[in-house]
Amino acid sequence: TPTPTPSVSPSVSPSPSVSPSVSPSPSPQPADP
């Protein structure tokens, strides 16, 4: 039963105040039909 203390990797630095952007390039095909 964990007590997590997550930290965010500096290499990606996501900010909860920034909305995710839409990819301008094609995304991979999902896993099944």
Full PDB file with SEQRES, HELIX, SHEET, SSBOND, CRYST1, ORIGX, SCALE, CONECT and MASTER records, all heavy atoms in Angstrom:
SEQRES   1 A   33  THR PRO THR PRO THR PRO SER VAL SER PRO SER VAL SER          
SEQRES   2 A   33  PRO SER PRO SER VAL SER PRO SER VAL SER PRO SER PRO          
SEQRES   3 A   33  SER PRO GLN PRO ALA ASP PRO                                  
CRYST1    1.000    1.000    1.000  90.00  90.00  90.00 P 1           1          
ORIGX1      1.000000  0.000000  0.000000        0.00000                         
ORIGX2      0.000000  1.000000  0.000000        0.00000                         
ORIGX3      0.000000  0.000000  1.000000        0.00000                         
SCALE1      1.000000  0.000000  0.000000        0.00000                         
SCALE2      0.000000  1.000000  0.000000        0.00000                         
SCALE3      0.000000  0.000000  1.000000        0.00000                         
ATOM      1  N   THR A   1       0.871  -1.160   0.000  1.00  0.00           N  
ATOM      2  CA  THR A   1       0.000   0.000   0.000  1.00  0.00           C  
ATOM      3  C   THR A   1       0.906   1.206   0.000  1.00  0.00           C  
ATOM      4  O   THR A   1       1.524   1.544   1.018  1.00  0.00           O  
ATOM      5  CB  THR A   1      -0.911   0.014   1.232  1.00  0.00           C  
ATOM      6  OG1 THR A   1      -1.655  -1.193   1.238  1.00  0.00           O  
ATOM      7  CG2 THR A   1      -1.845   1.209   1.197  1.00  0.00           C  
ATOM      8  N   PRO A   2       1.122   1.866  -1.113  1.00  0.00           N  
ATOM      9  CA  PRO A   2       2.179   2.862  -1.218  1.00  0.00           C  
ATOM     10  C   PRO A   2       1.778   4.218  -0.663  1.00  0.00           C  
ATOM     11  O   PRO A   2       0.614   4.567  -0.610  1.00  0.00           O  
ATOM     12  CB  PRO A   2       2.409   2.942  -2.729  1.00  0.00           C  
ATOM     13  CG  PRO A   2       1.056   2.642  -3.304  1.00  0.00           C  
ATOM     14  CD  PRO A   2       0.408   1.666  -2.365  1.00  0.00           C  
ATOM     15  N   THR A   3       2.799   4.924  -0.233  1.00  0.00           N  
ATOM     16  CA  THR A   3       2.642   6.333   0.073  1.00  0.00           C  
ATOM     17  C   THR A   3       3.498   7.075  -0.933  1.00  0.00           C  
ATOM     18  O   THR A   3       4.686   7.312  -0.710  1.00  0.00           O  
ATOM     19  CB  THR A   3       3.096   6.653   1.502  1.00  0.00           C  
ATOM     20  OG1 THR A   3       2.399   5.806   2.398  1.00  0.00           O  
ATOM     21  CG2 THR A   3       2.821   8.110   1.840  1.00  0.00           C  
ATOM     22  N   PRO A   4       2.980   7.415  -2.079  1.00  0.00           N  
ATOM     23  CA  PRO A   4       3.809   7.945  -3.151  1.00  0.00           C  
ATOM     24  C   PRO A   4       4.190   9.397  -2.912  1.00  0.00           C  
ATOM     25  O   PRO A   4       3.424  10.176  -2.371  1.00  0.00           O  
ATOM     26  CB  PRO A   4       2.913   7.817  -4.379  1.00  0.00           C  
ATOM     27  CG  PRO A   4       1.525   7.886  -3.833  1.00  0.00           C  
ATOM     28  CD  PRO A   4       1.588   7.256  -2.476  1.00  0.00           C  
ATOM     29  N   THR A   5       5.405   9.703  -3.291  1.00  0.00           N  
ATOM     30  CA  THR A   5       5.845  11.093  -3.341  1.00  0.00           C  
ATOM     31  C   THR A   5       6.394  11.329  -4.728  1.00  0.00           C  
ATOM     32  O   THR A   5       7.607  11.355  -4.937  1.00  0.00           O  
ATOM     33  CB  THR A   5       6.918  11.377  -2.279  1.00  0.00           C  
ATOM     34  OG1 THR A   5       8.015  10.464  -2.482  1.00  0.00           O  
ATOM     35  CG2 THR A   5       6.370  11.213  -0.886  1.00  0.00           C  
ATOM     36  N   PRO A   6       5.504  11.434  -5.723  1.00  0.00           N  
ATOM     37  CA  PRO A   6       5.968  11.504  -7.101  1.00  0.00           C  
ATOM     38  C   PRO A   6       6.669  12.819  -7.377  1.00  0.00           C  
ATOM     39  O   PRO A   6       6.295  13.870  -6.868  1.00  0.00           O  
ATOM     40  CB  PRO A   6       4.671  11.393  -7.913  1.00  0.00           C  
ATOM     41  CG  PRO A   6       3.616  11.912  -6.994  1.00  0.00           C  
ATOM     42  CD  PRO A   6       4.046  11.515  -5.619  1.00  0.00           C  
ATOM     43  N   SER A   7       7.680  12.723  -8.178  1.00  0.00           N  
ATOM     44  CA  SER A   7       8.316  13.930  -8.684  1.00  0.00           C  
ATOM     45  C   SER A   7       8.368  13.856 -10.186  1.00  0.00           C  
ATOM     46  O   SER A   7       8.404  12.776 -10.752  1.00  0.00           O  
ATOM     47  CB  SER A   7       9.737  14.064  -8.129  1.00  0.00           C  
ATOM     48  OG  SER A   7      10.534  12.968  -8.549  1.00  0.00           O  
ATOM     49  N   VAL A   8       8.352  14.981 -10.828  1.00  0.00           N  
ATOM     50  CA  VAL A   8       8.300  15.031 -12.280  1.00  0.00           C  
ATOM     51  C   VAL A   8       9.694  15.202 -12.838  1.00  0.00           C  
ATOM     52  O   VAL A   8      10.460  16.041 -12.379  1.00  0.00           O  
ATOM     53  CB  VAL A   8       7.395  16.188 -12.740  1.00  0.00           C  
ATOM     54  CG1 VAL A   8       7.366  16.264 -14.250  1.00  0.00           C  
ATOM     55  CG2 VAL A   8       5.997  15.988 -12.197  1.00  0.00           C  
ATOM     56  N   SER A   9      10.009  14.378 -13.809  1.00  0.00           N  
ATOM     57  CA  SER A   9      11.332  14.448 -14.415  1.00  0.00           C  
ATOM     58  C   SER A   9      11.555  15.809 -15.051  1.00  0.00           C  
ATOM     59  O   SER A   9      10.725  16.307 -15.796  1.00  0.00           O  
ATOM     60  CB  SER A   9      11.458  13.357 -15.485  1.00  0.00           C  
ATOM     61  OG  SER A   9      12.595  13.584 -16.276  1.00  0.00           O  
ATOM     62  N   PRO A  10      12.712  16.448 -14.778  1.00  0.00           N  
ATOM     63  CA  PRO A  10      12.987  17.757 -15.380  1.00  0.00           C  
ATOM     64  C   PRO A  10      13.047  17.700 -16.887  1.00  0.00           C  
ATOM     65  O   PRO A  10      12.885  18.705 -17.550  1.00  0.00           O  
ATOM     66  CB  PRO A  10      14.347  18.135 -14.778  1.00  0.00           C  
ATOM     67  CG  PRO A  10      14.507  17.280 -13.563  1.00  0.00           C  
ATOM     68  CD  PRO A  10      13.767  16.028 -13.840  1.00  0.00           C  
ATOM     69  N   SER A  11      13.258  16.494 -17.450  1.00  0.00           N  
ATOM     70  CA  SER A  11      13.408  16.408 -18.900  1.00  0.00           C  
ATOM     71  C   SER A  11      12.110  16.659 -19.634  1.00  0.00           C  
ATOM     72  O   SER A  11      12.109  16.979 -20.812  1.00  0.00           O  
ATOM     73  CB  SER A  11      13.947  15.032 -19.293  1.00  0.00           C  
ATOM     74  OG  SER A  11      13.026  14.027 -18.914  1.00  0.00           O  
ATOM     75  N   VAL A  12      10.966  16.468 -18.942  1.00  0.00           N  
ATOM     76  CA  VAL A  12       9.690  16.718 -19.605  1.00  0.00           C  
ATOM     77  C   VAL A  12       8.984  17.940 -19.049  1.00  0.00           C  
ATOM     78  O   VAL A  12       8.255  18.616 -19.759  1.00  0.00           O  
ATOM     79  CB  VAL A  12       8.767  15.480 -19.510  1.00  0.00           C  
ATOM     80  CG1 VAL A  12       9.298  14.370 -20.365  1.00  0.00           C  
ATOM     81  CG2 VAL A  12       8.610  15.006 -18.070  1.00  0.00           C  
ATOM     82  N   SER A  13       9.144  18.204 -17.755  1.00  0.00           N  
ATOM     83  CA  SER A  13       8.635  19.413 -17.111  1.00  0.00           C  
ATOM     84  C   SER A  13       7.210  19.765 -17.481  1.00  0.00           C  
ATOM     85  O   SER A  13       6.924  20.858 -17.935  1.00  0.00           O  
ATOM     86  CB  SER A  13       9.539  20.610 -17.466  1.00  0.00           C  
ATOM     87  OG  SER A  13      10.849  20.348 -17.056  1.00  0.00           O  
ATOM     88  N   PRO A  14       6.226  18.842 -17.340  1.00  0.00           N  
ATOM     89  CA  PRO A  14       4.853  19.235 -17.620  1.00  0.00           C  
ATOM     90  C   PRO A  14       4.316  20.158 -16.544  1.00  0.00           C  
ATOM     91  O   PRO A  14       4.633  20.000 -15.373  1.00  0.00           O  
ATOM     92  CB  PRO A  14       4.098  17.895 -17.616  1.00  0.00           C  
ATOM     93  CG  PRO A  14       4.905  17.014 -16.700  1.00  0.00           C  
ATOM     94  CD  PRO A  14       6.333  17.454 -16.857  1.00  0.00           C  
ATOM     95  N   SER A  15       3.541  21.118 -16.945  1.00  0.00           N  
ATOM     96  CA  SER A  15       2.924  22.041 -15.993  1.00  0.00           C  
ATOM     97  C   SER A  15       1.434  21.808 -15.965  1.00  0.00           C  
ATOM     98  O   SER A  15       0.789  21.752 -17.005  1.00  0.00           O  
ATOM     99  CB  SER A  15       3.190  23.491 -16.412  1.00  0.00           C  
ATOM    100  OG  SER A  15       2.390  24.360 -15.646  1.00  0.00           O  
ATOM    101  N   PRO A  16       0.836  21.641 -14.789  1.00  0.00           N  
ATOM    102  CA  PRO A  16      -0.605  21.412 -14.736  1.00  0.00           C  
ATOM    103  C   PRO A  16      -1.414  22.585 -15.238  1.00  0.00           C  
ATOM    104  O   PRO A  16      -2.594  22.458 -15.474  1.00  0.00           O  
ATOM    105  CB  PRO A  16      -0.860  21.154 -13.235  1.00  0.00           C  
ATOM    106  CG  PRO A  16       0.293  21.795 -12.530  1.00  0.00           C  
ATOM    107  CD  PRO A  16       1.456  21.670 -13.459  1.00  0.00           C  
ATOM    108  N   SER A  17      -0.805  23.726 -15.421  1.00  0.00           N  
ATOM    109  CA  SER A  17      -1.546  24.889 -15.892  1.00  0.00           C  
ATOM    110  C   SER A  17      -1.526  25.032 -17.400  1.00  0.00           C  
ATOM    111  O   SER A  17      -2.151  25.927 -17.949  1.00  0.00           O  
ATOM    112  CB  SER A  17      -0.968  26.165 -15.262  1.00  0.00           C  
ATOM    113  OG  SER A  17       0.365  26.360 -15.691  1.00  0.00           O  
ATOM    114  N   VAL A  18      -0.802  24.125 -18.076  1.00  0.00           N  
ATOM    115  CA  VAL A  18      -0.681  24.217 -19.527  1.00  0.00           C  
ATOM    116  C   VAL A  18      -1.528  23.140 -20.168  1.00  0.00           C  
ATOM    117  O   VAL A  18      -1.368  21.956 -19.871  1.00  0.00           O  
ATOM    118  CB  VAL A  18       0.789  24.068 -19.965  1.00  0.00           C  
ATOM    119  CG1 VAL A  18       0.900  24.118 -21.485  1.00  0.00           C  
ATOM    120  CG2 VAL A  18       1.630  25.163 -19.329  1.00  0.00           C  
ATOM    121  N   SER A  19      -2.462  23.503 -21.040  1.00  0.00           N  
ATOM    122  CA  SER A  19      -3.297  22.524 -21.715  1.00  0.00           C  
ATOM    123  C   SER A  19      -2.475  21.732 -22.704  1.00  0.00           C  
ATOM    124  O   SER A  19      -1.566  22.257 -23.335  1.00  0.00           O  
ATOM    125  CB  SER A  19      -4.443  23.231 -22.463  1.00  0.00           C  
ATOM    126  OG  SER A  19      -5.260  23.902 -21.549  1.00  0.00           O  
ATOM    127  N   PRO A  20      -2.784  20.418 -22.875  1.00  0.00           N  
ATOM    128  CA  PRO A  20      -2.061  19.624 -23.853  1.00  0.00           C  
ATOM    129  C   PRO A  20      -2.343  20.126 -25.244  1.00  0.00           C  
ATOM    130  O   PRO A  20      -3.436  20.565 -25.552  1.00  0.00           O  
ATOM    131  CB  PRO A  20      -2.628  18.209 -23.643  1.00  0.00           C  
ATOM    132  CG  PRO A  20      -3.965  18.421 -23.025  1.00  0.00           C  
ATOM    133  CD  PRO A  20      -3.845  19.659 -22.197  1.00  0.00           C  
ATOM    134  N   SER A  21      -1.338  20.058 -26.087  1.00  0.00           N  
ATOM    135  CA  SER A  21      -1.511  20.537 -27.457  1.00  0.00           C  
ATOM    136  C   SER A  21      -1.900  19.406 -28.374  1.00  0.00           C  
ATOM    137  O   SER A  21      -1.732  18.239 -28.053  1.00  0.00           O  
ATOM    138  CB  SER A  21      -0.206  21.170 -27.950  1.00  0.00           C  
ATOM    139  OG  SER A  21       0.830  20.210 -27.940  1.00  0.00           O  
ATOM    140  N   VAL A  22      -2.438  19.747 -29.521  1.00  0.00           N  
ATOM    141  CA  VAL A  22      -2.819  18.763 -30.522  1.00  0.00           C  
ATOM    142  C   VAL A  22      -1.619  18.473 -31.398  1.00  0.00           C  
ATOM    143  O   VAL A  22      -0.957  19.380 -31.878  1.00  0.00           O  
ATOM    144  CB  VAL A  22      -3.995  19.283 -31.376  1.00  0.00           C  
ATOM    145  CG1 VAL A  22      -4.373  18.247 -32.409  1.00  0.00           C  
ATOM    146  CG2 VAL A  22      -5.177  19.590 -30.484  1.00  0.00           C  
ATOM    147  N   SER A  23      -1.355  17.191 -31.592  1.00  0.00           N  
ATOM    148  CA  SER A  23      -0.214  16.819 -32.414  1.00  0.00           C  
ATOM    149  C   SER A  23      -0.416  17.232 -33.856  1.00  0.00           C  
ATOM    150  O   SER A  23      -1.448  16.962 -34.445  1.00  0.00           O  
ATOM    151  CB  SER A  23      -0.024  15.293 -32.355  1.00  0.00           C  
ATOM    152  OG  SER A  23       0.871  14.881 -33.343  1.00  0.00           O  
ATOM    153  N   PRO A  24       0.572  17.899 -34.471  1.00  0.00           N  
ATOM    154  CA  PRO A  24       0.445  18.267 -35.867  1.00  0.00           C  
ATOM    155  C   PRO A  24       0.785  17.123 -36.802  1.00  0.00           C  
ATOM    156  O   PRO A  24       0.614  17.227 -37.993  1.00  0.00           O  
ATOM    157  CB  PRO A  24       1.472  19.407 -36.008  1.00  0.00           C  
ATOM    158  CG  PRO A  24       2.531  19.055 -35.006  1.00  0.00           C  
ATOM    159  CD  PRO A  24       1.805  18.411 -33.863  1.00  0.00           C  
ATOM    160  N   SER A  25       1.308  16.028 -36.256  1.00  0.00           N  
ATOM    161  CA  SER A  25       1.709  14.914 -37.095  1.00  0.00           C  
ATOM    162  C   SER A  25       0.820  13.716 -36.830  1.00  0.00           C  
ATOM    163  O   SER A  25       0.180  13.620 -35.791  1.00  0.00           O  
ATOM    164  CB  SER A  25       3.165  14.546 -36.811  1.00  0.00           C  
ATOM    165  OG  SER A  25       3.317  14.205 -35.448  1.00  0.00           O  
ATOM    166  N   PRO A  26       0.746  12.768 -37.768  1.00  0.00           N  
ATOM    167  CA  PRO A  26      -0.122  11.613 -37.587  1.00  0.00           C  
ATOM    168  C   PRO A  26       0.252  10.827 -36.339  1.00  0.00           C  
ATOM    169  O   PRO A  26       1.427  10.608 -36.057  1.00  0.00           O  
ATOM    170  CB  PRO A  26       0.127  10.790 -38.866  1.00  0.00           C  
ATOM    171  CG  PRO A  26       0.683  11.759 -39.854  1.00  0.00           C  
ATOM    172  CD  PRO A  26       1.446  12.757 -39.055  1.00  0.00           C  
ATOM    173  N   SER A  27      -0.749  10.386 -35.589  1.00  0.00           N  
ATOM    174  CA  SER A  27      -0.502   9.573 -34.416  1.00  0.00           C  
ATOM    175  C   SER A  27      -0.531   8.106 -34.800  1.00  0.00           C  
ATOM    176  O   SER A  27      -1.097   7.736 -35.819  1.00  0.00           O  
ATOM    177  CB  SER A  27      -1.576   9.861 -33.360  1.00  0.00           C  
ATOM    178  OG  SER A  27      -2.851   9.625 -33.887  1.00  0.00           O  
ATOM    179  N   PRO A  28       0.077   7.231 -33.975  1.00  0.00           N  
ATOM    180  CA  PRO A  28       0.096   5.821 -34.318  1.00  0.00           C  
ATOM    181  C   PRO A  28      -1.307   5.246 -34.344  1.00  0.00           C  
ATOM    182  O   PRO A  28      -2.205   5.723 -33.658  1.00  0.00           O  
ATOM    183  CB  PRO A  28       0.921   5.195 -33.181  1.00  0.00           C  
ATOM    184  CG  PRO A  28       1.597   6.324 -32.497  1.00  0.00           C  
ATOM    185  CD  PRO A  28       0.762   7.524 -32.720  1.00  0.00           C  
ATOM    186  N   GLN A  29      -1.475   4.173 -35.115  1.00  0.00           N  
ATOM    187  CA  GLN A  29      -2.764   3.504 -35.138  1.00  0.00           C  
ATOM    188  C   GLN A  29      -3.001   2.847 -33.789  1.00  0.00           C  
ATOM    189  O   GLN A  29      -2.101   2.235 -33.220  1.00  0.00           O  
ATOM    190  CB  GLN A  29      -2.784   2.445 -36.237  1.00  0.00           C  
ATOM    191  CG  GLN A  29      -4.132   1.737 -36.347  1.00  0.00           C  
ATOM    192  CD  GLN A  29      -4.208   0.909 -37.598  1.00  0.00           C  
ATOM    193  OE1 GLN A  29      -3.577   1.223 -38.588  1.00  0.00           O  
ATOM    194  NE2 GLN A  29      -4.984  -0.158 -37.560  1.00  0.00           N  
ATOM    195  N   PRO A  30      -4.214   2.964 -33.207  1.00  0.00           N  
ATOM    196  CA  PRO A  30      -4.496   2.321 -31.935  1.00  0.00           C  
ATOM    197  C   PRO A  30      -4.298   0.810 -31.998  1.00  0.00           C  
ATOM    198  O   PRO A  30      -4.104   0.226 -33.047  1.00  0.00           O  
ATOM    199  CB  PRO A  30      -5.965   2.691 -31.684  1.00  0.00           C  
ATOM    200  CG  PRO A  30      -6.137   3.978 -32.400  1.00  0.00           C  
ATOM    201  CD  PRO A  30      -5.299   3.835 -33.636  1.00  0.00           C  
ATOM    202  N   ALA A  31      -4.400   0.178 -30.818  1.00  0.00           N  
ATOM    203  CA  ALA A  31      -3.938  -1.194 -30.659  1.00  0.00           C  
ATOM    204  C   ALA A  31      -4.778  -2.226 -31.381  1.00  0.00           C  
ATOM    205  O   ALA A  31      -4.305  -3.322 -31.631  1.00  0.00           O  
ATOM    206  CB  ALA A  31      -3.881  -1.522 -29.172  1.00  0.00           C  
ATOM    207  N   ASP A  32      -6.026  -1.985 -31.682  1.00  0.00           N  
ATOM    208  CA  ASP A  32      -6.851  -2.988 -32.325  1.00  0.00           C  
ATOM    209  C   ASP A  32      -7.909  -2.305 -33.173  1.00  0.00           C  
ATOM    210  O   ASP A  32      -8.087  -1.082 -33.111  1.00  0.00           O  
ATOM    211  CB  ASP A  32      -7.473  -3.917 -31.287  1.00  0.00           C  
ATOM    212  CG  ASP A  32      -8.401  -3.184 -30.340  1.00  0.00           C  
ATOM    213  OD1 ASP A  32      -9.388  -2.598 -30.803  1.00  0.00           O  
ATOM    214  OD2 ASP A  32      -8.148  -3.189 -29.128  1.00  0.00           O  
ATOM    215  N   PRO A  33      -8.629  -3.064 -33.994  1.00  0.00           N  
ATOM    216  CA  PRO A  33      -9.605  -2.441 -34.900  1.00  0.00           C  
ATOM    217  C   PRO A  33     -10.684  -1.633 -34.201  1.00  0.00           C  
ATOM    218  O   PRO A  33     -11.090  -0.591 -34.700  1.00  0.00           O  
ATOM    219  CB  PRO A  33     -10.189  -3.652 -35.640  1.00  0.00           C  
ATOM    220  CG  PRO A  33      -9.075  -4.642 -35.652  1.00  0.00           C  
ATOM    221  CD  PRO A  33      -8.401  -4.492 -34.319  1.00  0.00           C  
TER     222      PRO A  33                                                      
MASTER        0    0    0    0    0    0    0    6  221    1    0    3          
END                                                                             
